[in-house]
Amino acid sequence: MIAKLAIGTVQFGKAYGVSNQHGQTQAEEVRQIIQYADHCGIDCYDTAPTYGNSEEVLGTLLHEIGVRQACRVVTKTPHLKVHTVDEASIEQVRHVFSKSLEKLNSKRVEGLLVHAANDLLIVGGNILYQALRDEKESGRTEKIGVSIYTGEQIDAILDQFDIDLIQLPFNILDQHLLHDGQLDRLKDRGVEIHVRSIFLQGLLLMEREQLPEYFSNHRATIGHFHAVADERNLTPLQLSLSYGIALPQVDKIVVGVNNLQQLQEVVAAAQIQVDVEELHELAVNEPILLNPALWKL
């Protein structure tokens, strides 16, 4: 289902990803990506003020190509890096969001997410949440939400706040949010789910012999995943993406691409159908492998 695809834009603003050998995507390549995405009916873009100059690149090209009004853009708050949220923090959030809108050539966005979930969970987090509510009521964002890393963060957020949208890490090896029930809990609350890290920052697409030495203890896991893909006559990209798309709880999968060819491969893979029940056996519990925040490369 191509309609479930969203374009991640971090590569538009800086080099990103353990398997990225292309560096930052050049503006002309971004233009081709946006034009092809529009042709395919992909209208959602994920960005953030911490992604280098991605907001500016995205805003400029969406406007030049003439598709800004038809596109849905989700951006994020700055990382507050404080122990207590206060009025100075809220002023920072408002200021950065205003700058984001300016860079995006827009008066509003589809979604505004708290980039660091713990900013909502520390003292004063309720003040930050109210600031997001104010932005929604003002019309500067259609939806508010949060980007999370763990199931514990999901539970804590849902216990305290009503959100419209969440972005979370999920892939064919890291299925714990599905099996622990958090995805179902989110859908029961009417929350739109956007998945990131579907390729584990590109790690799942690398051959075993290409893996950095840091992951040497996990080569068997990656090798087994590749073997299952081979058995099904699928590439690792096709198996990874088709699994995520087949999950009914998932609304969007945010995929970062460096060039037009990569997007074309993603679009083709999005049309492959798989039985998710047959792929649950690929789930592993290897935090050092599954959580990029723990990587020491």
C-alpha atoms as a PDB file:
ATOM      1  CA  MET A   1       0.000   0.000   0.000  1.00  0.00           C
ATOM      2  CA  ILE A   2       1.772   3.080  -1.283  1.00  0.00           C
ATOM      3  CA  ALA A   3      -0.665   5.253   0.685  1.00  0.00           C
ATOM      4  CA  LYS A   4       1.041   4.145   3.904  1.00  0.00           C
ATOM      5  CA  LEU A   5       4.382   5.639   2.868  1.00  0.00           C
ATOM      6  CA  ALA A   6       5.767   8.890   4.251  1.00  0.00           C
ATOM      7  CA  ILE A   7       9.086  10.470   3.303  1.00  0.00           C
ATOM      8  CA  GLY A   8      11.638  11.014   6.049  1.00  0.00           C
ATOM      9  CA  THR A   9      13.701  14.104   5.349  1.00  0.00           C
ATOM     10  CA  VAL A  10      16.673  13.888   7.693  1.00  0.00           C
ATOM     11  CA  GLN A  11      18.909  13.023   4.704  1.00  0.00           C
ATOM     12  CA  PHE A  12      17.732  16.217   3.006  1.00  0.00           C
ATOM     13  CA  GLY A  13      19.475  18.197   5.741  1.00  0.00           C
ATOM     14  CA  LYS A  14      22.461  16.093   6.773  1.00  0.00           C
ATOM     15  CA  ALA A  15      24.194  12.730   6.310  1.00  0.00           C
ATOM     16  CA  TYR A  16      22.318  10.072   8.283  1.00  0.00           C
ATOM     17  CA  GLY A  17      22.133   6.305   8.707  1.00  0.00           C
ATOM     18  CA  VAL A  18      24.676   3.587   9.454  1.00  0.00           C
ATOM     19  CA  SER A  19      24.486   2.316   5.838  1.00  0.00           C
ATOM     20  CA  ASN A  20      24.400   5.744   4.179  1.00  0.00           C
ATOM     21  CA  GLN A  21      27.283   6.054   1.718  1.00  0.00           C
ATOM     22  CA  HIS A  22      25.796   9.016  -0.152  1.00  0.00           C
ATOM     23  CA  GLY A  23      25.973  11.762   2.482  1.00  0.00           C
ATOM     24  CA  GLN A  24      23.432  14.581   2.444  1.00  0.00           C
ATOM     25  CA  THR A  25      21.009  14.394  -0.478  1.00  0.00           C
ATOM     26  CA  GLN A  26      21.550  17.207  -2.963  1.00  0.00           C
ATOM     27  CA  ALA A  27      18.741  19.649  -3.756  1.00  0.00           C
ATOM     28  CA  GLU A  28      18.202  18.450  -7.331  1.00  0.00           C
ATOM     29  CA  GLU A  29      17.896  14.869  -6.105  1.00  0.00           C
ATOM     30  CA  VAL A  30      15.387  16.020  -3.471  1.00  0.00           C
ATOM     31  CA  ARG A  31      13.399  17.705  -6.232  1.00  0.00           C
ATOM     32  CA  GLN A  32      13.212  14.419  -8.169  1.00  0.00           C
ATOM     33  CA  ILE A  33      12.171  12.551  -5.009  1.00  0.00           C
ATOM     34  CA  ILE A  34       9.339  14.997  -4.308  1.00  0.00           C
ATOM     35  CA  GLN A  35       8.125  14.955  -7.911  1.00  0.00           C
ATOM     36  CA  TYR A  36       8.076  11.158  -8.002  1.00  0.00           C
ATOM     37  CA  ALA A  37       6.392  10.975  -4.592  1.00  0.00           C
ATOM     38  CA  ASP A  38       3.687  13.322  -5.850  1.00  0.00           C
ATOM     39  CA  HIS A  39       3.271  11.170  -8.968  1.00  0.00           C
ATOM     40  CA  CYS A  40       2.781   8.088  -6.766  1.00  0.00           C
ATOM     41  CA  GLY A  41       0.355   9.768  -4.376  1.00  0.00           C
ATOM     42  CA  ILE A  42       2.769  10.019  -1.435  1.00  0.00           C
ATOM     43  CA  ASP A  43       1.878  13.249   0.345  1.00  0.00           C
ATOM     44  CA  CYS A  44       3.336  13.001   3.870  1.00  0.00           C
ATOM     45  CA  TYR A  45       6.767  14.300   4.935  1.00  0.00           C
ATOM     46  CA  ASP A  46       8.468  13.985   8.307  1.00  0.00           C
ATOM     47  CA  THR A  47      10.998  16.599   9.368  1.00  0.00           C
ATOM     48  CA  ALA A  48      12.416  18.391  12.419  1.00  0.00           C
ATOM     49  CA  PRO A  49      14.432  21.505  13.272  1.00  0.00           C
ATOM     50  CA  THR A  50      17.314  19.241  14.346  1.00  0.00           C
ATOM     51  CA  TYR A  51      17.610  17.690  10.865  1.00  0.00           C
ATOM     52  CA  GLY A  52      20.131  20.197   9.569  1.00  0.00           C
ATOM     53  CA  ASN A  53      18.505  22.423   6.945  1.00  0.00           C
ATOM     54  CA  SER A  54      15.892  19.832   5.928  1.00  0.00           C
ATOM     55  CA  GLU A  55      12.914  22.051   6.794  1.00  0.00           C
ATOM     56  CA  GLU A  56      14.241  24.822   4.576  1.00  0.00           C
ATOM     57  CA  VAL A  57      15.064  22.458   1.695  1.00  0.00           C
ATOM     58  CA  LEU A  58      11.657  20.803   1.970  1.00  0.00           C
ATOM     59  CA  GLY A  59       9.737  24.062   2.233  1.00  0.00           C
ATOM     60  CA  THR A  60      11.534  25.631  -0.713  1.00  0.00           C
ATOM     61  CA  LEU A  61      11.100  22.672  -3.058  1.00  0.00           C
ATOM     62  CA  LEU A  62       7.495  21.844  -2.118  1.00  0.00           C
ATOM     63  CA  HIS A  63       6.674  25.470  -2.891  1.00  0.00           C
ATOM     64  CA  GLU A  64       8.664  25.573  -6.155  1.00  0.00           C
ATOM     65  CA  ILE A  65       7.156  22.312  -7.408  1.00  0.00           C
ATOM     66  CA  GLY A  66       3.702  23.573  -6.462  1.00  0.00           C
ATOM     67  CA  VAL A  67       2.612  20.739  -4.175  1.00  0.00           C
ATOM     68  CA  ARG A  68       2.896  22.338  -0.725  1.00  0.00           C
ATOM     69  CA  GLN A  69      -0.855  22.706  -0.219  1.00  0.00           C
ATOM     70  CA  ALA A  70      -1.432  19.064  -1.157  1.00  0.00           C
ATOM     71  CA  CYS A  71       1.246  17.754   1.210  1.00  0.00           C
ATOM     72  CA  ARG A  72       1.072  16.907   4.892  1.00  0.00           C
ATOM     73  CA  VAL A  73       4.162  17.872   6.873  1.00  0.00           C
ATOM     74  CA  VAL A  74       4.965  16.699  10.385  1.00  0.00           C
ATOM     75  CA  THR A  75       7.674  18.524  12.329  1.00  0.00           C
ATOM     76  CA  LYS A  76       8.888  18.481  15.915  1.00  0.00           C
ATOM     77  CA  THR A  77       9.797  20.542  18.939  1.00  0.00           C
ATOM     78  CA  PRO A  78      13.401  21.194  19.955  1.00  0.00           C
ATOM     79  CA  HIS A  79      14.996  18.968  22.582  1.00  0.00           C
ATOM     80  CA  LEU A  80      14.558  21.063  25.721  1.00  0.00           C
ATOM     81  CA  LYS A  81      17.452  19.491  27.666  1.00  0.00           C
ATOM     82  CA  VAL A  82      16.066  20.661  31.021  1.00  0.00           C
ATOM     83  CA  HIS A  83      14.999  18.980  34.254  1.00  0.00           C
ATOM     84  CA  THR A  84      11.900  21.137  34.622  1.00  0.00           C
ATOM     85  CA  VAL A  85       9.739  22.689  31.898  1.00  0.00           C
ATOM     86  CA  ASP A  86       9.121  26.372  32.596  1.00  0.00           C
ATOM     87  CA  GLU A  87       7.937  29.440  30.707  1.00  0.00           C
ATOM     88  CA  ALA A  88      11.378  29.900  29.143  1.00  0.00           C
ATOM     89  CA  SER A  89      11.094  26.375  27.742  1.00  0.00           C
ATOM     90  CA  ILE A  90       7.664  27.124  26.306  1.00  0.00           C
ATOM     91  CA  GLU A  91       8.930  30.321  24.722  1.00  0.00           C
ATOM     92  CA  GLN A  92      11.720  28.292  23.102  1.00  0.00           C
ATOM     93  CA  VAL A  93       9.186  25.798  21.732  1.00  0.00           C
ATOM     94  CA  ARG A  94       6.995  28.553  20.289  1.00  0.00           C
ATOM     95  CA  HIS A  95       9.954  30.391  18.794  1.00  0.00           C
ATOM     96  CA  VAL A  96      11.423  27.281  17.151  1.00  0.00           C
ATOM     97  CA  PHE A  97       8.012  26.241  15.807  1.00  0.00           C
ATOM     98  CA  SER A  98       7.498  29.694  14.303  1.00  0.00           C
ATOM     99  CA  LYS A  99      10.900  29.370  12.630  1.00  0.00           C
ATOM    100  CA  SER A 100       9.926  25.915  11.348  1.00  0.00           C
ATOM    101  CA  LEU A 101       6.773  27.294   9.743  1.00  0.00           C
ATOM    102  CA  GLU A 102       8.827  30.078   8.195  1.00  0.00           C
ATOM    103  CA  LYS A 103      11.340  27.604   6.729  1.00  0.00           C
ATOM    104  CA  LEU A 104       8.524  25.372   5.493  1.00  0.00           C
ATOM    105  CA  ASN A 105       6.859  28.290   3.692  1.00  0.00           C
ATOM    106  CA  SER A 106       3.642  27.496   5.509  1.00  0.00           C
ATOM    107  CA  LYS A 107       1.181  28.887   8.031  1.00  0.00           C
ATOM    108  CA  ARG A 108       0.383  25.429   9.408  1.00  0.00           C
ATOM    109  CA  VAL A 109       1.535  21.821   9.496  1.00  0.00           C
ATOM    110  CA  GLU A 110      -0.235  18.489   9.726  1.00  0.00           C
ATOM    111  CA  GLY A 111       1.474  17.537  12.968  1.00  0.00           C
ATOM    112  CA  LEU A 112       3.698  18.889  15.734  1.00  0.00           C
ATOM    113  CA  LEU A 113       5.431  16.226  17.816  1.00  0.00           C
ATOM    114  CA  VAL A 114       7.420  16.520  21.022  1.00  0.00           C
ATOM    115  CA  HIS A 115      10.761  15.247  19.753  1.00  0.00           C
ATOM    116  CA  ALA A 116      12.035  14.044  23.134  1.00  0.00           C
ATOM    117  CA  ALA A 117       9.212  12.168  24.862  1.00  0.00           C
ATOM    118  CA  ASN A 118      10.729  12.680  28.295  1.00  0.00           C
ATOM    119  CA  ASP A 119      10.132  16.426  27.910  1.00  0.00           C
ATOM    120  CA  LEU A 120       6.466  15.567  28.512  1.00  0.00           C
ATOM    121  CA  LEU A 121       7.234  13.292  31.456  1.00  0.00           C
ATOM    122  CA  ILE A 122       9.407  15.584  33.586  1.00  0.00           C
ATOM    123  CA  VAL A 123       8.181  18.233  36.008  1.00  0.00           C
ATOM    124  CA  GLY A 124       6.229  20.806  34.014  1.00  0.00           C
ATOM    125  CA  GLY A 125       5.467  18.422  31.172  1.00  0.00           C
ATOM    126  CA  ASN A 126       1.813  19.362  31.469  1.00  0.00           C
ATOM    127  CA  ILE A 127       2.778  22.940  30.595  1.00  0.00           C
ATOM    128  CA  LEU A 128       4.442  21.717  27.410  1.00  0.00           C
ATOM    129  CA  TYR A 129       1.373  19.662  26.552  1.00  0.00           C
ATOM    130  CA  GLN A 130      -0.846  22.714  27.027  1.00  0.00           C
ATOM    131  CA  ALA A 131       1.452  24.701  24.744  1.00  0.00           C
ATOM    132  CA  LEU A 132       0.892  22.072  22.049  1.00  0.00           C
ATOM    133  CA  ARG A 133      -2.850  22.233  22.647  1.00  0.00           C
ATOM    134  CA  ASP A 134      -2.655  26.000  22.203  1.00  0.00           C
ATOM    135  CA  GLU A 135      -0.852  25.567  18.877  1.00  0.00           C
ATOM    136  CA  LYS A 136      -3.555  23.164  17.732  1.00  0.00           C
ATOM    137  CA  GLU A 137      -6.351  25.504  18.776  1.00  0.00           C
ATOM    138  CA  SER A 138      -4.627  28.386  16.990  1.00  0.00           C
ATOM    139  CA  GLY A 139      -4.669  26.382  13.754  1.00  0.00           C
ATOM    140  CA  ARG A 140      -0.898  26.260  13.325  1.00  0.00           C
ATOM    141  CA  THR A 141      -1.010  22.456  13.568  1.00  0.00           C
ATOM    142  CA  GLU A 142      -3.769  19.983  12.814  1.00  0.00           C
ATOM    143  CA  LYS A 143      -2.473  17.300  15.197  1.00  0.00           C
ATOM    144  CA  ILE A 144      -0.235  17.088  18.250  1.00  0.00           C
ATOM    145  CA  GLY A 145       1.749  14.181  19.561  1.00  0.00           C
ATOM    146  CA  VAL A 146       5.104  12.747  20.494  1.00  0.00           C
ATOM    147  CA  SER A 147       8.055  10.745  19.204  1.00  0.00           C
ATOM    148  CA  ILE A 148       8.931   7.848  21.527  1.00  0.00           C
ATOM    149  CA  TYR A 149      11.550   5.126  21.936  1.00  0.00           C
ATOM    150  CA  THR A 150      10.003   2.693  24.432  1.00  0.00           C
ATOM    151  CA  GLY A 151       6.752   1.040  25.381  1.00  0.00           C
ATOM    152  CA  GLU A 152       7.112   2.497  28.855  1.00  0.00           C
ATOM    153  CA  GLN A 153       7.027   5.981  27.356  1.00  0.00           C
ATOM    154  CA  ILE A 154       3.848   5.099  25.446  1.00  0.00           C
ATOM    155  CA  ASP A 155       2.127   3.911  28.619  1.00  0.00           C
ATOM    156  CA  ALA A 156       3.214   6.972  30.594  1.00  0.00           C
ATOM    157  CA  ILE A 157       2.103   9.373  27.848  1.00  0.00           C
ATOM    158  CA  LEU A 158      -1.313   7.740  27.419  1.00  0.00           C
ATOM    159  CA  ASP A 159      -1.866   7.722  31.176  1.00  0.00           C
ATOM    160  CA  GLN A 160      -1.483  11.509  31.285  1.00  0.00           C
ATOM    161  CA  PHE A 161      -2.318  13.023  27.914  1.00  0.00           C
ATOM    162  CA  ASP A 162      -4.613  12.823  24.898  1.00  0.00           C
ATOM    163  CA  ILE A 163      -2.577  12.851  21.699  1.00  0.00           C
ATOM    164  CA  ASP A 164      -3.475  12.608  18.025  1.00  0.00           C
ATOM    165  CA  LEU A 165      -0.260  11.246  16.564  1.00  0.00           C
ATOM    166  CA  ILE A 166       2.743   9.209  17.652  1.00  0.00           C
ATOM    167  CA  GLN A 167       5.976   8.264  15.939  1.00  0.00           C
ATOM    168  CA  LEU A 168       7.714   5.121  17.149  1.00  0.00           C
ATOM    169  CA  PRO A 169      10.488   2.690  16.166  1.00  0.00           C
ATOM    170  CA  PHE A 170       9.361  -0.636  14.747  1.00  0.00           C
ATOM    171  CA  ASN A 171      10.740  -3.210  12.359  1.00  0.00           C
ATOM    172  CA  ILE A 172      10.564  -6.892  11.534  1.00  0.00           C
ATOM    173  CA  LEU A 173      13.142  -7.770  14.212  1.00  0.00           C
ATOM    174  CA  ASP A 174      11.832  -5.322  16.815  1.00  0.00           C
ATOM    175  CA  GLN A 175       8.190  -6.302  17.264  1.00  0.00           C
ATOM    176  CA  HIS A 176       7.812  -5.805  21.019  1.00  0.00           C
ATOM    177  CA  LEU A 177       5.390  -2.860  20.774  1.00  0.00           C
ATOM    178  CA  LEU A 178       3.054  -5.138  18.829  1.00  0.00           C
ATOM    179  CA  HIS A 179       3.331  -8.210  21.034  1.00  0.00           C
ATOM    180  CA  ASP A 180       3.248  -6.212  24.297  1.00  0.00           C
ATOM    181  CA  GLY A 181      -0.026  -4.595  23.220  1.00  0.00           C
ATOM    182  CA  GLN A 182       1.049  -0.956  22.952  1.00  0.00           C
ATOM    183  CA  LEU A 183       0.096  -0.639  19.276  1.00  0.00           C
ATOM    184  CA  ASP A 184      -3.401  -1.902  20.048  1.00  0.00           C
ATOM    185  CA  ARG A 185      -3.675   0.418  23.040  1.00  0.00           C
ATOM    186  CA  LEU A 186      -2.768   3.376  20.833  1.00  0.00           C
ATOM    187  CA  LYS A 187      -5.389   2.430  18.242  1.00  0.00           C
ATOM    188  CA  ASP A 188      -8.001   1.992  20.993  1.00  0.00           C
ATOM    189  CA  ARG A 189      -7.292   5.624  21.911  1.00  0.00           C
ATOM    190  CA  GLY A 190      -7.629   6.752  18.295  1.00  0.00           C
ATOM    191  CA  VAL A 191      -3.959   7.667  17.921  1.00  0.00           C
ATOM    192  CA  GLU A 192      -2.437   7.784  14.435  1.00  0.00           C
ATOM    193  CA  ILE A 193       0.721   5.645  14.345  1.00  0.00           C
ATOM    194  CA  HIS A 194       3.751   6.595  12.266  1.00  0.00           C
ATOM    195  CA  VAL A 195       6.573   4.029  12.233  1.00  0.00           C
ATOM    196  CA  ARG A 196      10.229   4.951  11.813  1.00  0.00           C
ATOM    197  CA  SER A 197      13.388   2.820  11.636  1.00  0.00           C
ATOM    198  CA  ILE A 198      11.654   0.167   9.516  1.00  0.00           C
ATOM    199  CA  PHE A 199      15.098  -0.737   8.102  1.00  0.00           C
ATOM    200  CA  LEU A 200      16.860  -0.154  11.454  1.00  0.00           C
ATOM    201  CA  GLN A 201      18.678   2.872  10.000  1.00  0.00           C
ATOM    202  CA  GLY A 202      19.696   0.754   7.020  1.00  0.00           C
ATOM    203  CA  LEU A 203      21.289  -2.025   9.068  1.00  0.00           C
ATOM    204  CA  LEU A 204      18.775  -4.621   7.855  1.00  0.00           C
ATOM    205  CA  LEU A 205      19.720  -3.863   4.259  1.00  0.00           C
ATOM    206  CA  MET A 206      23.432  -4.552   4.764  1.00  0.00           C
ATOM    207  CA  GLU A 207      24.998  -7.931   3.985  1.00  0.00           C
ATOM    208  CA  ARG A 208      26.468  -9.731   6.999  1.00  0.00           C
ATOM    209  CA  GLU A 209      30.035  -9.149   5.815  1.00  0.00           C
ATOM    210  CA  GLN A 210      29.316  -5.410   5.464  1.00  0.00           C
ATOM    211  CA  LEU A 211      28.171  -4.989   9.058  1.00  0.00           C
ATOM    212  CA  PRO A 212      30.396  -2.811  11.248  1.00  0.00           C
ATOM    213  CA  GLU A 213      32.504  -4.828  13.687  1.00  0.00           C
ATOM    214  CA  TYR A 214      30.388  -3.398  16.514  1.00  0.00           C
ATOM    215  CA  PHE A 215      27.543  -5.690  15.422  1.00  0.00           C
ATOM    216  CA  SER A 216      29.661  -8.852  15.137  1.00  0.00           C
ATOM    217  CA  ASN A 217      27.653 -10.581  17.886  1.00  0.00           C
ATOM    218  CA  HIS A 218      24.466 -10.013  15.887  1.00  0.00           C
ATOM    219  CA  ARG A 219      25.569 -11.301  12.486  1.00  0.00           C
ATOM    220  CA  ALA A 220      23.637 -14.533  12.976  1.00  0.00           C
ATOM    221  CA  THR A 221      20.422 -12.579  13.579  1.00  0.00           C
ATOM    222  CA  ILE A 222      20.894 -10.452  10.464  1.00  0.00           C
ATOM    223  CA  GLY A 223      21.913 -13.538   8.505  1.00  0.00           C
ATOM    224  CA  HIS A 224      18.751 -15.407   9.508  1.00  0.00           C
ATOM    225  CA  PHE A 225      16.621 -12.449   8.435  1.00  0.00           C
ATOM    226  CA  HIS A 226      18.357 -12.384   5.042  1.00  0.00           C
ATOM    227  CA  ALA A 227      17.879 -16.147   4.697  1.00  0.00           C
ATOM    228  CA  VAL A 228      14.129 -15.807   5.282  1.00  0.00           C
ATOM    229  CA  ALA A 229      14.011 -13.073   2.635  1.00  0.00           C
ATOM    230  CA  ASP A 230      15.866 -15.343   0.200  1.00  0.00           C
ATOM    231  CA  GLU A 231      13.444 -18.203   0.884  1.00  0.00           C
ATOM    232  CA  ARG A 232      10.590 -15.926  -0.152  1.00  0.00           C
ATOM    233  CA  ASN A 233      12.424 -14.554  -3.196  1.00  0.00           C
ATOM    234  CA  LEU A 234      12.328 -11.109  -1.626  1.00  0.00           C
ATOM    235  CA  THR A 235      15.057  -8.569  -0.983  1.00  0.00           C
ATOM    236  CA  PRO A 236      15.663  -7.490   2.627  1.00  0.00           C
ATOM    237  CA  LEU A 237      14.078  -4.144   1.734  1.00  0.00           C
ATOM    238  CA  GLN A 238      10.970  -5.810   0.329  1.00  0.00           C
ATOM    239  CA  LEU A 239      10.518  -8.119   3.321  1.00  0.00           C
ATOM    240  CA  SER A 240      11.124  -5.350   5.885  1.00  0.00           C
ATOM    241  CA  LEU A 241       8.749  -2.875   4.304  1.00  0.00           C
ATOM    242  CA  SER A 242       5.972  -5.259   3.305  1.00  0.00           C
ATOM    243  CA  TYR A 243       5.837  -6.592   6.875  1.00  0.00           C
ATOM    244  CA  GLY A 244       5.307  -3.115   8.322  1.00  0.00           C
ATOM    245  CA  ILE A 245       2.748  -2.153   5.708  1.00  0.00           C
ATOM    246  CA  ALA A 246       0.735  -5.324   6.343  1.00  0.00           C
ATOM    247  CA  LEU A 247       0.181  -4.421  10.002  1.00  0.00           C
ATOM    248  CA  PRO A 248      -3.323  -2.921  10.372  1.00  0.00           C
ATOM    249  CA  GLN A 249      -2.267  -0.802  13.355  1.00  0.00           C
ATOM    250  CA  VAL A 250       0.289   1.136  11.295  1.00  0.00           C
ATOM    251  CA  ASP A 251      -0.946   4.267   9.509  1.00  0.00           C
ATOM    252  CA  LYS A 252       2.315   5.529   8.005  1.00  0.00           C
ATOM    253  CA  ILE A 253       5.844   4.231   7.582  1.00  0.00           C
ATOM    254  CA  VAL A 254       8.456   6.980   7.468  1.00  0.00           C
ATOM    255  CA  VAL A 255      11.159   5.972   4.990  1.00  0.00           C
ATOM    256  CA  GLY A 256      14.291   7.994   4.405  1.00  0.00           C
ATOM    257  CA  VAL A 257      15.703   7.916   0.882  1.00  0.00           C
ATOM    258  CA  ASN A 258      18.880   9.417  -0.564  1.00  0.00           C
ATOM    259  CA  ASN A 259      17.927   9.367  -4.226  1.00  0.00           C
ATOM    260  CA  LEU A 260      15.164   8.692  -6.726  1.00  0.00           C
ATOM    261  CA  GLN A 261      16.197   5.087  -7.322  1.00  0.00           C
ATOM    262  CA  GLN A 262      15.809   4.274  -3.630  1.00  0.00           C
ATOM    263  CA  LEU A 263      12.313   5.765  -3.592  1.00  0.00           C
ATOM    264  CA  GLN A 264      11.370   3.765  -6.684  1.00  0.00           C
ATOM    265  CA  GLU A 265      12.527   0.575  -4.932  1.00  0.00           C
ATOM    266  CA  VAL A 266      10.505   1.504  -1.834  1.00  0.00           C
ATOM    267  CA  VAL A 267       7.364   2.177  -3.874  1.00  0.00           C
ATOM    268  CA  ALA A 268       7.694  -1.178  -5.644  1.00  0.00           C
ATOM    269  CA  ALA A 269       8.246  -2.981  -2.335  1.00  0.00           C
ATOM    270  CA  ALA A 270       5.202  -1.318  -0.792  1.00  0.00           C
ATOM    271  CA  GLN A 271       2.973  -3.228  -3.191  1.00  0.00           C
ATOM    272  CA  ILE A 272       4.153  -6.677  -2.061  1.00  0.00           C
ATOM    273  CA  GLN A 273       1.808  -8.578   0.243  1.00  0.00           C
ATOM    274  CA  VAL A 274       2.976 -10.851   3.064  1.00  0.00           C
ATOM    275  CA  ASP A 275       1.336 -12.752   5.917  1.00  0.00           C
ATOM    276  CA  VAL A 276       2.489 -11.058   9.133  1.00  0.00           C
ATOM    277  CA  GLU A 277       1.646 -14.106  11.237  1.00  0.00           C
ATOM    278  CA  GLU A 278       4.320 -16.084   9.406  1.00  0.00           C
ATOM    279  CA  LEU A 279       6.946 -13.446  10.182  1.00  0.00           C
ATOM    280  CA  HIS A 280       6.500 -13.039  13.930  1.00  0.00           C
ATOM    281  CA  GLU A 281       9.207 -15.680  14.430  1.00  0.00           C
ATOM    282  CA  LEU A 282      11.785 -13.154  13.246  1.00  0.00           C
ATOM    283  CA  ALA A 283      11.285 -11.040  16.382  1.00  0.00           C
ATOM    284  CA  VAL A 284      14.348 -10.896  18.647  1.00  0.00           C
ATOM    285  CA  ASN A 285      15.163  -9.376  22.020  1.00  0.00           C
ATOM    286  CA  GLU A 286      18.581  -7.843  21.413  1.00  0.00           C
ATOM    287  CA  PRO A 287      18.495  -4.231  22.710  1.00  0.00           C
ATOM    288  CA  ILE A 288      22.054  -3.446  21.639  1.00  0.00           C
ATOM    289  CA  LEU A 289      21.082  -4.300  18.067  1.00  0.00           C
ATOM    290  CA  LEU A 290      17.562  -2.887  18.036  1.00  0.00           C
ATOM    291  CA  ASN A 291      18.040   0.491  19.752  1.00  0.00           C
ATOM    292  CA  PRO A 292      20.222   2.901  17.738  1.00  0.00           C
ATOM    293  CA  ALA A 293      20.404   5.166  20.802  1.00  0.00           C
ATOM    294  CA  LEU A 294      22.623   2.492  22.376  1.00  0.00           C
ATOM    295  CA  TRP A 295      24.942   2.108  19.400  1.00  0.00           C
ATOM    296  CA  LYS A 296      28.576   3.081  19.923  1.00  0.00           C
ATOM    297  CA  LEU A 297      29.968   3.379  16.416  1.00  0.00           C
END
